[in-house]
Structure formats: structure tokens, C-alpha cells
Amino acid sequence: MENINRVSSEIIEIETSIKLIEYLKRNSTIDDGMYNFCINKLMKKQELEKSKIDDDYINNINNYKILT
């Protein structure tokens, strides 16, 4: 069987949020303190999501649906 790399939708949403915060920082919309606070919260959330990943999590298709 072919090994497929899957990334959960929650991790994708977190990474998108990180990119948005970086964009706001570059455009001087937020200051360093707010940037650091937001990035630290998002990184902790991302690590938590990555720690949840096991075979059952990978095989559950609901973890890959992005709500729009």
C-alpha cells in the first residue's frame, strides 16, 4: 500500500493563521509584543495537534475536512 502524507485541517488552519500574523507584523499593523503572544499561542496549539496524531487519527477522514 502506498504511504500518503496527510495533514489535518486543524494544522493547516493554524499554519494559515501564522502566515496572517507574519503579514500583519511586516505591515506594522501589530507590534512585537502582540506578534510574539499570538505566535507563541499558535505554536503551542500546533504542537498539541501534532501530538494527537496516531493511526486512528490519520484514518479518520473527518480530521481532514476544512470548514468554510
Protein backbone atom coordinates (compact mmCIF):
# COMPACT_ATOMS: atom_id res chain seq x y z
CA MET A 1 0.00 0.00 0.00
CA GLU A 2 1.20 3.47 -0.82
CA ASN A 3 2.09 5.75 2.08
CA ILE A 4 0.26 9.05 1.74
CA ASN A 5 1.32 12.08 3.78
CA ARG A 6 -1.74 13.67 5.28
CA VAL A 7 -2.00 16.89 7.19
CA SER A 8 -5.06 17.55 9.30
CA SER A 9 -7.20 20.57 8.53
CA GLU A 10 -6.58 21.93 12.04
CA ILE A 11 -2.82 22.12 11.39
CA ILE A 12 -3.42 23.79 8.03
CA GLU A 13 -5.64 26.40 9.68
CA ILE A 14 -3.00 27.08 12.35
CA GLU A 15 -0.27 27.49 9.73
CA THR A 16 -2.51 29.86 7.77
CA SER A 17 -3.06 31.91 10.93
CA ILE A 18 0.70 32.08 11.50
CA LYS A 19 1.19 33.40 7.96
CA LEU A 20 -1.50 36.03 8.57
CA ILE A 21 0.17 37.18 11.79
CA GLU A 22 3.53 37.40 9.98
CA TYR A 23 1.88 39.50 7.25
CA LEU A 24 0.39 41.87 9.85
CA LYS A 25 3.81 42.19 11.52
CA ARG A 26 5.54 43.03 8.22
CA ASN A 27 2.98 45.76 7.52
CA SER A 28 3.39 47.21 11.05
CA THR A 29 -0.26 46.56 11.85
CA ILE A 30 0.65 44.82 15.11
CA ASP A 31 3.56 45.44 17.46
CA ASP A 32 6.26 42.99 18.59
CA GLY A 33 4.50 42.10 21.83
CA MET A 34 1.24 41.14 20.14
CA TYR A 35 3.14 39.27 17.42
CA ASN A 36 5.10 37.21 19.96
CA PHE A 37 1.98 36.49 22.03
CA CYS A 38 -0.02 35.28 19.01
CA ILE A 39 2.81 33.21 17.54
CA ASN A 40 3.51 31.51 20.89
CA LYS A 41 -0.19 30.60 21.32
CA LEU A 42 -0.41 29.25 17.79
CA MET A 43 2.82 27.24 18.11
CA LYS A 44 1.59 25.61 21.32
CA LYS A 45 -1.72 24.78 19.65
CA GLN A 46 0.13 23.31 16.66
CA GLU A 47 2.31 21.11 18.89
CA LEU A 48 -0.81 19.88 20.69
CA GLU A 49 -2.44 18.96 17.37
CA LYS A 50 0.69 17.17 16.17
CA SER A 51 0.86 15.17 19.40
CA LYS A 52 -2.69 13.86 18.80
CA ILE A 53 -1.72 12.19 15.55
CA ASP A 54 -1.79 8.39 15.64
CA ASP A 55 -3.15 5.67 13.31
CA ASP A 56 -6.77 6.20 14.35
CA TYR A 57 -6.45 9.95 13.87
CA ILE A 58 -4.85 9.51 10.44
CA ASN A 59 -7.56 7.11 9.25
CA ASN A 60 -10.47 9.32 10.37
CA ILE A 61 -11.49 11.33 7.30
CA ASN A 62 -13.27 13.97 9.45
CA ASN A 63 -9.88 15.31 10.55
CA TYR A 64 -9.17 16.48 7.01
CA LYS A 65 -12.30 18.49 6.30
CA ILE A 66 -11.86 22.23 6.24
CA LEU A 67 -14.92 24.20 7.25
CA THR A 68 -15.61 27.26 5.15
